[in-house]
Amino acid sequence: MFKLVFDDPKELRNYIQSDKVTGLPLSTQALYFHAIVNGIFDKDDNITNIKALARAIGASEGDIQLLTDEDYYREIKGEDR
């Protein structure tokens, strides 16, 4: 399971327009944006369908890993959905 790093939508909106985000590969950006817009969140705001979203848009495990490595998401250890 993954958790968004930002809680404030305005802060997130400003961030996604930054060079850091726009410098990501397009497939990684697409996954990031789809997770924000179409993610299914549990009661603790964890994204429960990141892998399904990745498959739906043709993103790879590498895109998920890049988002995790760059701290766009936090992986919740022991959870894998």
Protein backbone atom coordinates (compact mmCIF):
# COMPACT_ATOMS: atom_id res chain seq x y z
CA MET A 1 0.00 0.00 0.00
CA PHE A 2 1.16 3.53 -0.63
CA LYS A 3 0.40 6.85 1.01
CA LEU A 4 0.47 10.27 -0.65
CA VAL A 5 3.15 12.55 0.73
CA PHE A 6 0.96 15.69 0.54
CA ASP A 7 -2.26 16.25 2.47
CA ASP A 8 -3.06 19.77 1.17
CA PRO A 9 -4.42 19.82 -2.42
CA LYS A 10 -3.14 23.37 -3.04
CA GLU A 11 0.38 22.40 -1.97
CA LEU A 12 0.18 19.32 -4.19
CA ARG A 13 -1.02 21.36 -7.18
CA ASN A 14 1.95 23.71 -6.86
CA TYR A 15 4.31 20.78 -6.46
CA ILE A 16 3.17 18.89 -9.56
CA GLN A 17 4.03 21.93 -11.66
CA SER A 18 7.62 21.91 -10.37
CA ASP A 19 10.69 20.89 -12.37
CA LYS A 20 11.09 17.84 -10.13
CA VAL A 21 7.75 16.37 -11.19
CA THR A 22 7.82 17.48 -14.81
CA GLY A 23 11.28 15.93 -15.08
CA LEU A 24 9.91 12.45 -14.37
CA PRO A 25 9.33 10.03 -17.26
CA LEU A 26 5.85 10.53 -18.74
CA SER A 27 4.67 7.06 -17.65
CA THR A 28 5.68 7.87 -14.06
CA GLN A 29 3.94 11.25 -14.21
CA ALA A 30 0.82 9.57 -15.56
CA LEU A 31 0.80 7.05 -12.74
CA TYR A 32 1.31 9.80 -10.17
CA PHE A 33 -1.54 11.89 -11.53
CA HIS A 34 -3.89 8.92 -11.92
CA ALA A 35 -3.21 7.89 -8.34
CA ILE A 36 -4.06 11.40 -7.13
CA VAL A 37 -7.25 11.65 -9.19
CA ASN A 38 -8.43 8.02 -9.38
CA GLY A 39 -6.80 6.38 -6.39
CA ILE A 40 -8.91 4.34 -4.02
CA PHE A 41 -8.06 5.41 -0.49
CA ASP A 42 -8.72 3.58 2.75
CA LYS A 43 -9.70 5.28 6.02
CA ASP A 44 -6.04 6.17 6.69
CA ASP A 45 -5.59 7.77 3.23
CA ASN A 46 -3.46 4.90 1.93
CA ILE A 47 -3.76 4.24 -1.82
CA THR A 48 -4.96 0.67 -2.13
CA ASN A 49 -4.95 0.28 -5.92
CA ILE A 50 -1.59 1.61 -7.13
CA LYS A 51 -0.69 -1.61 -8.98
CA ALA A 52 -4.09 -1.80 -10.67
CA LEU A 53 -3.75 1.83 -11.77
CA ALA A 54 -0.28 1.09 -13.13
CA ARG A 55 -1.58 -1.85 -15.16
CA ALA A 56 -4.54 0.17 -16.46
CA ILE A 57 -2.36 2.92 -17.92
CA GLY A 58 0.60 0.78 -19.00
CA ALA A 59 2.96 1.94 -16.25
CA SER A 60 5.51 -0.49 -14.87
CA GLU A 61 6.74 -1.71 -11.51
CA GLY A 62 9.70 0.55 -12.24
CA ASP A 63 7.37 3.57 -12.28
CA ILE A 64 5.97 2.54 -8.89
CA GLN A 65 9.50 2.05 -7.58
CA LEU A 66 10.65 5.43 -8.89
CA LEU A 67 7.75 7.18 -7.16
CA THR A 68 8.61 5.36 -3.94
CA ASP A 69 12.37 6.03 -4.22
CA GLU A 70 11.78 9.73 -4.90
CA ASP A 71 9.37 9.99 -1.93
CA TYR A 72 6.25 10.72 -3.94
CA TYR A 73 4.70 7.81 -2.07
CA ARG A 74 5.56 5.99 1.09
CA GLU A 75 5.40 2.25 0.94
CA ILE A 76 3.60 0.74 3.92
CA LYS A 77 5.65 -2.35 4.75
CA GLY A 78 3.80 -5.65 4.96
CA GLU A 79 0.98 -4.44 2.73
CA ASP A 80 0.75 -5.31 -0.94
CA ARG A 81 -2.48 -4.82 -2.84
